[in-house]
């Protein structure tokens, strides 16, 4: 898991959803552990797109259920832009 991306993702979750940093662990499930609903998830996806200047298709976003998966996905998108 890329540390810089993980830090940014954590900042977004803390700022946008009012979560504490201790709740935002790599294995935390967005829905089960963090209580994120579909509207929050859509907003998070848009925030990730803006922050990292990437596009996340809905079909891909639906597959991302943990913070670790989201960080790895974002890293993959950024690596493919190089």
PDB file of N, CA and C in Angstrom:
ATOM      1  N   UNK A   1       0.852  -1.180   0.000  1.00  0.00           N
ATOM      2  CA  UNK A   1       0.000   0.000   0.000  1.00  0.00           C
ATOM      3  C   UNK A   1       0.897   1.242   0.000  1.00  0.00           C
ATOM      4  N   UNK A   2       0.632   2.154  -0.881  1.00  0.00           N
ATOM      5  CA  UNK A   2       1.438   3.371  -1.005  1.00  0.00           C
ATOM      6  C   UNK A   2       1.148   4.327   0.154  1.00  0.00           C
ATOM      7  N   UNK A   3       2.187   4.693   0.888  1.00  0.00           N
ATOM      8  CA  UNK A   3       2.026   5.498   2.102  1.00  0.00           C
ATOM      9  C   UNK A   3       1.438   6.891   1.835  1.00  0.00           C
ATOM     10  N   UNK A   4       1.933   7.566   0.807  1.00  0.00           N
ATOM     11  CA  UNK A   4       1.442   8.920   0.508  1.00  0.00           C
ATOM     12  C   UNK A   4      -0.035   8.903   0.119  1.00  0.00           C
ATOM     13  N   UNK A   5      -0.417   7.933  -0.685  1.00  0.00           N
ATOM     14  CA  UNK A   5      -1.817   7.826  -1.091  1.00  0.00           C
ATOM     15  C   UNK A   5      -2.676   7.483   0.124  1.00  0.00           C
ATOM     16  N   UNK A   6      -2.192   6.576   0.959  1.00  0.00           N
ATOM     17  CA  UNK A   6      -2.937   6.181   2.161  1.00  0.00           C
ATOM     18  C   UNK A   6      -3.157   7.378   3.085  1.00  0.00           C
ATOM     19  N   UNK A   7      -2.151   8.219   3.218  1.00  0.00           N
ATOM     20  CA  UNK A   7      -2.270   9.415   4.064  1.00  0.00           C
ATOM     21  C   UNK A   7      -3.345  10.344   3.508  1.00  0.00           C
ATOM     22  N   UNK A   8      -3.326  10.564   2.190  1.00  0.00           N
ATOM     23  CA  UNK A   8      -4.319  11.438   1.556  1.00  0.00           C
ATOM     24  C   UNK A   8      -5.725  10.868   1.698  1.00  0.00           C
ATOM     25  N   UNK A   9      -5.871   9.552   1.473  1.00  0.00           N
ATOM     26  CA  UNK A   9      -7.185   8.908   1.599  1.00  0.00           C
ATOM     27  C   UNK A   9      -7.697   9.054   3.036  1.00  0.00           C
ATOM     28  N   UNK A  10      -6.812   8.858   4.002  1.00  0.00           N
ATOM     29  CA  UNK A  10      -7.187   9.013   5.413  1.00  0.00           C
ATOM     30  C   UNK A  10      -7.648  10.440   5.688  1.00  0.00           C
ATOM     31  N   UNK A  11      -6.902  11.416   5.178  1.00  0.00           N
ATOM     32  CA  UNK A  11      -7.276  12.829   5.361  1.00  0.00           C
ATOM     33  C   UNK A  11      -8.660  13.105   4.795  1.00  0.00           C
ATOM     34  N   UNK A  12      -8.945  12.555   3.627  1.00  0.00           N
ATOM     35  CA  UNK A  12     -10.251  12.764   2.990  1.00  0.00           C
ATOM     36  C   UNK A  12     -11.352  12.161   3.852  1.00  0.00           C
ATOM     37  N   UNK A  13     -11.155  10.940   4.319  1.00  0.00           N
ATOM     38  CA  UNK A  13     -12.170  10.280   5.144  1.00  0.00           C
ATOM     39  C   UNK A  13     -12.404  11.025   6.451  1.00  0.00           C
ATOM     40  N   UNK A  14     -11.341  11.503   7.066  1.00  0.00           N
ATOM     41  CA  UNK A  14     -11.465  12.235   8.324  1.00  0.00           C
ATOM     42  C   UNK A  14     -12.183  13.564   8.096  1.00  0.00           C
ATOM     43  N   UNK A  15     -11.767  14.283   7.051  1.00  0.00           N
ATOM     44  CA  UNK A  15     -12.327  15.608   6.779  1.00  0.00           C
ATOM     45  C   UNK A  15     -13.778  15.538   6.294  1.00  0.00           C
ATOM     46  N   UNK A  16     -14.046  14.660   5.338  1.00  0.00           N
ATOM     47  CA  UNK A  16     -15.373  14.613   4.716  1.00  0.00           C
ATOM     48  C   UNK A  16     -16.418  13.927   5.572  1.00  0.00           C
ATOM     49  N   UNK A  17     -16.014  12.895   6.322  1.00  0.00           N
ATOM     50  CA  UNK A  17     -16.996  12.089   7.047  1.00  0.00           C
ATOM     51  C   UNK A  17     -16.917  12.233   8.554  1.00  0.00           C
ATOM     52  N   UNK A  18     -15.952  13.007   9.028  1.00  0.00           N
ATOM     53  CA  UNK A  18     -15.821  13.224  10.455  1.00  0.00           C
ATOM     54  C   UNK A  18     -15.377  11.983  11.214  1.00  0.00           C
ATOM     55  N   UNK A  19     -14.689  11.078  10.529  1.00  0.00           N
ATOM     56  CA  UNK A  19     -14.177   9.880  11.189  1.00  0.00           C
ATOM     57  C   UNK A  19     -12.904  10.226  11.945  1.00  0.00           C
ATOM     58  N   UNK A  20     -12.583   9.432  12.951  1.00  0.00           N
ATOM     59  CA  UNK A  20     -11.301   9.639  13.620  1.00  0.00           C
ATOM     60  C   UNK A  20     -10.232   8.837  12.875  1.00  0.00           C
ATOM     61  N   UNK A  21      -9.003   9.295  12.961  1.00  0.00           N
ATOM     62  CA  UNK A  21      -7.924   8.617  12.240  1.00  0.00           C
ATOM     63  C   UNK A  21      -7.754   7.174  12.697  1.00  0.00           C
ATOM     64  N   UNK A  22      -8.104   6.896  13.951  1.00  0.00           N
ATOM     65  CA  UNK A  22      -7.959   5.525  14.453  1.00  0.00           C
ATOM     66  C   UNK A  22      -8.958   4.567  13.801  1.00  0.00           C
ATOM     67  N   UNK A  23     -10.080   5.094  13.298  1.00  0.00           N
ATOM     68  CA  UNK A  23     -11.067   4.258  12.611  1.00  0.00           C
ATOM     69  C   UNK A  23     -10.624   3.890  11.200  1.00  0.00           C
ATOM     70  N   UNK A  24      -9.782   4.723  10.622  1.00  0.00           N
ATOM     71  CA  UNK A  24      -9.383   4.565   9.226  1.00  0.00           C
ATOM     72  C   UNK A  24      -8.152   3.655   9.151  1.00  0.00           C
ATOM     73  N   UNK A  25      -8.404   2.349   9.126  1.00  0.00           N
ATOM     74  CA  UNK A  25      -7.335   1.362   9.028  1.00  0.00           C
ATOM     75  C   UNK A  25      -7.378   0.740   7.630  1.00  0.00           C
ATOM     76  N   UNK A  26      -6.274   0.153   7.168  1.00  0.00           N
ATOM     77  CA  UNK A  26      -6.253  -0.411   5.811  1.00  0.00           C
ATOM     78  C   UNK A  26      -7.361  -1.439   5.543  1.00  0.00           C
ATOM     79  N   UNK A  27      -7.699  -2.229   6.551  1.00  0.00           N
ATOM     80  CA  UNK A  27      -8.703  -3.276   6.350  1.00  0.00           C
ATOM     81  C   UNK A  27     -10.125  -2.827   6.659  1.00  0.00           C
ATOM     82  N   UNK A  28     -10.303  -1.567   7.034  1.00  0.00           N
ATOM     83  CA  UNK A  28     -11.644  -1.076   7.360  1.00  0.00           C
ATOM     84  C   UNK A  28     -12.532  -1.119   6.116  1.00  0.00           C
ATOM     85  N   UNK A  29     -13.697  -1.739   6.273  1.00  0.00           N
ATOM     86  CA  UNK A  29     -14.679  -1.811   5.194  1.00  0.00           C
ATOM     87  C   UNK A  29     -15.494  -0.523   5.222  1.00  0.00           C
ATOM     88  N   UNK A  30     -15.652   0.091   4.057  1.00  0.00           N
ATOM     89  CA  UNK A  30     -16.359   1.373   3.984  1.00  0.00           C
ATOM     90  C   UNK A  30     -17.764   1.288   4.588  1.00  0.00           C
ATOM     91  N   UNK A  31     -18.490   0.235   4.280  1.00  0.00           N
ATOM     92  CA  UNK A  31     -19.875   0.116   4.724  1.00  0.00           C
ATOM     93  C   UNK A  31     -19.971  -0.514   6.114  1.00  0.00           C
ATOM     94  N   UNK A  32     -19.376  -1.693   6.273  1.00  0.00           N
ATOM     95  CA  UNK A  32     -19.515  -2.437   7.536  1.00  0.00           C
ATOM     96  C   UNK A  32     -18.811  -1.770   8.704  1.00  0.00           C
ATOM     97  N   UNK A  33     -17.589  -1.298   8.497  1.00  0.00           N
ATOM     98  CA  UNK A  33     -16.805  -0.750   9.601  1.00  0.00           C
ATOM     99  C   UNK A  33     -16.966   0.754   9.784  1.00  0.00           C
ATOM    100  N   UNK A  34     -17.115   1.476   8.677  1.00  0.00           N
ATOM    101  CA  UNK A  34     -17.158   2.939   8.760  1.00  0.00           C
ATOM    102  C   UNK A  34     -18.561   3.512   8.620  1.00  0.00           C
ATOM    103  N   UNK A  35     -19.531   2.661   8.277  1.00  0.00           N
ATOM    104  CA  UNK A  35     -20.921   3.105   8.201  1.00  0.00           C
ATOM    105  C   UNK A  35     -21.214   4.062   7.063  1.00  0.00           C
ATOM    106  N   UNK A  36     -20.464   3.974   5.987  1.00  0.00           N
ATOM    107  CA  UNK A  36     -20.647   4.866   4.850  1.00  0.00           C
ATOM    108  C   UNK A  36     -21.832   4.394   4.003  1.00  0.00           C
ATOM    109  N   UNK A  37     -22.748   5.305   3.702  1.00  0.00           N
ATOM    110  CA  UNK A  37     -23.874   4.949   2.841  1.00  0.00           C
ATOM    111  C   UNK A  37     -23.545   5.264   1.384  1.00  0.00           C
ATOM    112  N   UNK A  38     -24.469   4.963   0.494  1.00  0.00           N
ATOM    113  CA  UNK A  38     -24.196   5.109  -0.942  1.00  0.00           C
ATOM    114  C   UNK A  38     -23.934   6.564  -1.336  1.00  0.00           C
ATOM    115  N   UNK A  39     -24.605   7.504  -0.702  1.00  0.00           N
ATOM    116  CA  UNK A  39     -24.372   8.914  -1.016  1.00  0.00           C
ATOM    117  C   UNK A  39     -22.972   9.342  -0.572  1.00  0.00           C
ATOM    118  N   UNK A  40     -22.598   8.951   0.653  1.00  0.00           N
ATOM    119  CA  UNK A  40     -21.240   9.247   1.138  1.00  0.00           C
ATOM    120  C   UNK A  40     -20.198   8.631   0.214  1.00  0.00           C
ATOM    121  N   UNK A  41     -20.470   7.398  -0.238  1.00  0.00           N
ATOM    122  CA  UNK A  41     -19.506   6.694  -1.083  1.00  0.00           C
ATOM    123  C   UNK A  41     -19.340   7.401  -2.423  1.00  0.00           C
ATOM    124  N   UNK A  42     -20.448   7.882  -2.980  1.00  0.00           N
ATOM    125  CA  UNK A  42     -20.379   8.624  -4.244  1.00  0.00           C
ATOM    126  C   UNK A  42     -19.559   9.904  -4.064  1.00  0.00           C
ATOM    127  N   UNK A  43     -19.773  10.584  -2.942  1.00  0.00           N
ATOM    128  CA  UNK A  43     -19.012  11.805  -2.670  1.00  0.00           C
ATOM    129  C   UNK A  43     -17.524  11.495  -2.481  1.00  0.00           C
ATOM    130  N   UNK A  44     -17.243  10.391  -1.791  1.00  0.00           N
ATOM    131  CA  UNK A  44     -15.845   9.984  -1.602  1.00  0.00           C
ATOM    132  C   UNK A  44     -15.175   9.705  -2.932  1.00  0.00           C
ATOM    133  N   UNK A  45     -15.878   8.979  -3.798  1.00  0.00           N
ATOM    134  CA  UNK A  45     -15.334   8.649  -5.110  1.00  0.00           C
ATOM    135  C   UNK A  45     -14.997   9.922  -5.875  1.00  0.00           C
ATOM    136  N   UNK A  46     -15.903  10.889  -5.849  1.00  0.00           N
ATOM    137  CA  UNK A  46     -15.643  12.165  -6.530  1.00  0.00           C
ATOM    138  C   UNK A  46     -14.454  12.884  -5.917  1.00  0.00           C
ATOM    139  N   UNK A  47     -14.341  12.835  -4.598  1.00  0.00           N
ATOM    140  CA  UNK A  47     -13.219  13.479  -3.906  1.00  0.00           C
ATOM    141  C   UNK A  47     -11.893  12.809  -4.286  1.00  0.00           C
ATOM    142  N   UNK A  48     -11.893  11.478  -4.363  1.00  0.00           N
ATOM    143  CA  UNK A  48     -10.690  10.758  -4.798  1.00  0.00           C
ATOM    144  C   UNK A  48     -10.316  11.163  -6.225  1.00  0.00           C
ATOM    145  N   UNK A  49     -11.323  11.270  -7.093  1.00  0.00           N
ATOM    146  CA  UNK A  49     -11.065  11.654  -8.490  1.00  0.00           C
ATOM    147  C   UNK A  49     -10.433  13.039  -8.567  1.00  0.00           C
ATOM    148  N   UNK A  50     -10.980  13.982  -7.808  1.00  0.00           N
ATOM    149  CA  UNK A  50     -10.461  15.355  -7.829  1.00  0.00           C
ATOM    150  C   UNK A  50      -9.065  15.438  -7.208  1.00  0.00           C
ATOM    151  N   UNK A  51      -8.891  14.800  -6.066  1.00  0.00           N
ATOM    152  CA  UNK A  51      -7.627  14.873  -5.345  1.00  0.00           C
ATOM    153  C   UNK A  51      -6.476  14.271  -6.140  1.00  0.00           C
ATOM    154  N   UNK A  52      -6.739  13.116  -6.763  1.00  0.00           N
ATOM    155  CA  UNK A  52      -5.678  12.398  -7.452  1.00  0.00           C
ATOM    156  C   UNK A  52      -5.691  12.588  -8.971  1.00  0.00           C
ATOM    157  N   UNK A  53      -6.649  13.391  -9.462  1.00  0.00           N
ATOM    158  CA  UNK A  53      -6.774  13.669 -10.894  1.00  0.00           C
ATOM    159  C   UNK A  53      -6.866  12.371 -11.710  1.00  0.00           C
ATOM    160  N   UNK A  54      -7.822  11.530 -11.298  1.00  0.00           N
ATOM    161  CA  UNK A  54      -8.073  10.268 -11.993  1.00  0.00           C
ATOM    162  C   UNK A  54      -9.567  10.137 -12.241  1.00  0.00           C
ATOM    163  N   UNK A  55      -9.933   9.156 -13.037  1.00  0.00           N
ATOM    164  CA  UNK A  55     -11.343   8.845 -13.281  1.00  0.00           C
ATOM    165  C   UNK A  55     -11.600   7.451 -12.724  1.00  0.00           C
ATOM    166  N   UNK A  56     -12.653   7.314 -11.907  1.00  0.00           N
ATOM    167  CA  UNK A  56     -13.018   6.023 -11.333  1.00  0.00           C
ATOM    168  C   UNK A  56     -14.403   5.654 -11.863  1.00  0.00           C
ATOM    169  N   UNK A  57     -14.472   4.746 -12.845  1.00  0.00           N
ATOM    170  CA  UNK A  57     -15.779   4.331 -13.369  1.00  0.00           C
ATOM    171  C   UNK A  57     -16.628   3.694 -12.267  1.00  0.00           C
ATOM    172  N   UNK A  58     -17.950   3.853 -12.362  1.00  0.00           N
ATOM    173  CA  UNK A  58     -18.850   3.290 -11.359  1.00  0.00           C
ATOM    174  C   UNK A  58     -18.620   1.795 -11.164  1.00  0.00           C
ATOM    175  N   UNK A  59     -18.369   1.092 -12.267  1.00  0.00           N
ATOM    176  CA  UNK A  59     -18.163  -0.357 -12.168  1.00  0.00           C
ATOM    177  C   UNK A  59     -16.934  -0.691 -11.322  1.00  0.00           C
ATOM    178  N   UNK A  60     -15.910   0.157 -11.387  1.00  0.00           N
ATOM    179  CA  UNK A  60     -14.720  -0.049 -10.560  1.00  0.00           C
ATOM    180  C   UNK A  60     -14.995   0.365  -9.115  1.00  0.00           C
ATOM    181  N   UNK A  61     -15.668   1.474  -8.939  1.00  0.00           N
ATOM    182  CA  UNK A  61     -15.950   1.985  -7.595  1.00  0.00           C
ATOM    183  C   UNK A  61     -16.736   0.964  -6.777  1.00  0.00           C
ATOM    184  N   UNK A  62     -17.647   0.251  -7.415  1.00  0.00           N
ATOM    185  CA  UNK A  62     -18.465  -0.746  -6.720  1.00  0.00           C
ATOM    186  C   UNK A  62     -17.626  -1.894  -6.169  1.00  0.00           C
ATOM    187  N   UNK A  63     -16.445  -2.124  -6.741  1.00  0.00           N
ATOM    188  CA  UNK A  63     -15.584  -3.225  -6.318  1.00  0.00           C
ATOM    189  C   UNK A  63     -14.680  -2.861  -5.135  1.00  0.00           C
ATOM    190  N   UNK A  64     -14.588  -1.585  -4.825  1.00  0.00           N
ATOM    191  CA  UNK A  64     -13.687  -1.127  -3.766  1.00  0.00           C
ATOM    192  C   UNK A  64     -14.432  -1.104  -2.434  1.00  0.00           C
ATOM    193  N   UNK A  65     -14.135  -2.076  -1.580  1.00  0.00           N
ATOM    194  CA  UNK A  65     -14.877  -2.141  -0.319  1.00  0.00           C
ATOM    195  C   UNK A  65     -14.030  -1.803   0.908  1.00  0.00           C
ATOM    196  N   UNK A  66     -12.699  -1.832   0.772  1.00  0.00           N
ATOM    197  CA  UNK A  66     -11.843  -1.482   1.913  1.00  0.00           C
ATOM    198  C   UNK A  66     -10.911  -0.335   1.533  1.00  0.00           C
ATOM    199  N   UNK A  67     -10.359   0.276   2.547  1.00  0.00           N
ATOM    200  CA  UNK A  67      -9.433   1.376   2.324  1.00  0.00           C
ATOM    201  C   UNK A  67      -8.196   0.875   1.564  1.00  0.00           C
ATOM    202  N   UNK A  68      -7.729  -0.299   1.925  1.00  0.00           N
ATOM    203  CA  UNK A  68      -6.558  -0.882   1.250  1.00  0.00           C
ATOM    204  C   UNK A  68      -6.835  -1.045  -0.251  1.00  0.00           C
ATOM    205  N   UNK A  69      -8.017  -1.545  -0.601  1.00  0.00           N
ATOM    206  CA  UNK A  69      -8.370  -1.717  -2.014  1.00  0.00           C
ATOM    207  C   UNK A  69      -8.415  -0.376  -2.726  1.00  0.00           C
ATOM    208  N   UNK A  70      -8.965   0.635  -2.069  1.00  0.00           N
ATOM    209  CA  UNK A  70      -9.054   1.963  -2.684  1.00  0.00           C
ATOM    210  C   UNK A  70      -7.663   2.543  -2.927  1.00  0.00           C
ATOM    211  N   UNK A  71      -6.774   2.407  -1.940  1.00  0.00           N
ATOM    212  CA  UNK A  71      -5.408   2.934  -2.081  1.00  0.00           C
ATOM    213  C   UNK A  71      -4.682   2.214  -3.221  1.00  0.00           C
ATOM    214  N   UNK A  72      -4.790   0.895  -3.258  1.00  0.00           N
ATOM    215  CA  UNK A  72      -4.136   0.131  -4.331  1.00  0.00           C
ATOM    216  C   UNK A  72      -4.696   0.501  -5.697  1.00  0.00           C
ATOM    217  N   UNK A  73      -6.010   0.701  -5.772  1.00  0.00           N
ATOM    218  CA  UNK A  73      -6.644   1.079  -7.037  1.00  0.00           C
ATOM    219  C   UNK A  73      -6.123   2.445  -7.496  1.00  0.00           C
ATOM    220  N   UNK A  74      -6.123   3.411  -6.584  1.00  0.00           N
ATOM    221  CA  UNK A  74      -5.648   4.759  -6.921  1.00  0.00           C
ATOM    222  C   UNK A  74      -4.179   4.710  -7.362  1.00  0.00           C
ATOM    223  N   UNK A  75      -3.347   3.942  -6.654  1.00  0.00           N
ATOM    224  CA  UNK A  75      -1.951   3.802  -7.027  1.00  0.00           C
ATOM    225  C   UNK A  75      -1.830   3.234  -8.449  1.00  0.00           C
ATOM    226  N   UNK A  76      -2.631   2.226  -8.765  1.00  0.00           N
ATOM    227  CA  UNK A  76      -2.613   1.658 -10.093  1.00  0.00           C
ATOM    228  C   UNK A  76      -2.985   2.667 -11.170  1.00  0.00           C
ATOM    229  N   UNK A  77      -3.992   3.472 -10.881  1.00  0.00           N
ATOM    230  CA  UNK A  77      -4.416   4.513 -11.833  1.00  0.00           C
ATOM    231  C   UNK A  77      -3.312   5.547 -12.036  1.00  0.00           C
ATOM    232  N   UNK A  78      -2.677   5.953 -10.940  1.00  0.00           N
ATOM    233  CA  UNK A  78      -1.608   6.947 -11.040  1.00  0.00           C
ATOM    234  C   UNK A  78      -0.398   6.371 -11.772  1.00  0.00           C
ATOM    235  N   UNK A  79      -0.067   5.120 -11.501  1.00  0.00           N
ATOM    236  CA  UNK A  79       1.067   4.479 -12.177  1.00  0.00           C
ATOM    237  C   UNK A  79       0.823   4.369 -13.682  1.00  0.00           C
ATOM    238  N   UNK A  80      -0.415   4.126 -14.070  1.00  0.00           N
ATOM    239  CA  UNK A  80      -0.721   3.970 -15.499  1.00  0.00           C
ATOM    240  C   UNK A  80      -0.709   5.310 -16.242  1.00  0.00           C
ATOM    241  N   UNK A  81      -0.743   6.418 -15.500  1.00  0.00           N
ATOM    242  CA  UNK A  81      -0.686   7.742 -16.125  1.00  0.00           C
ATOM    243  C   UNK A  81       0.740   8.174 -16.443  1.00  0.00           C
ATOM    244  N   UNK A  82       1.714   7.483 -15.831  1.00  0.00           N
ATOM    245  CA  UNK A  82       3.122   7.888 -15.999  1.00  0.00           C
ATOM    246  C   UNK A  82       3.636   7.542 -17.380  1.00  0.00           C
TER     247      UNK A  82
END
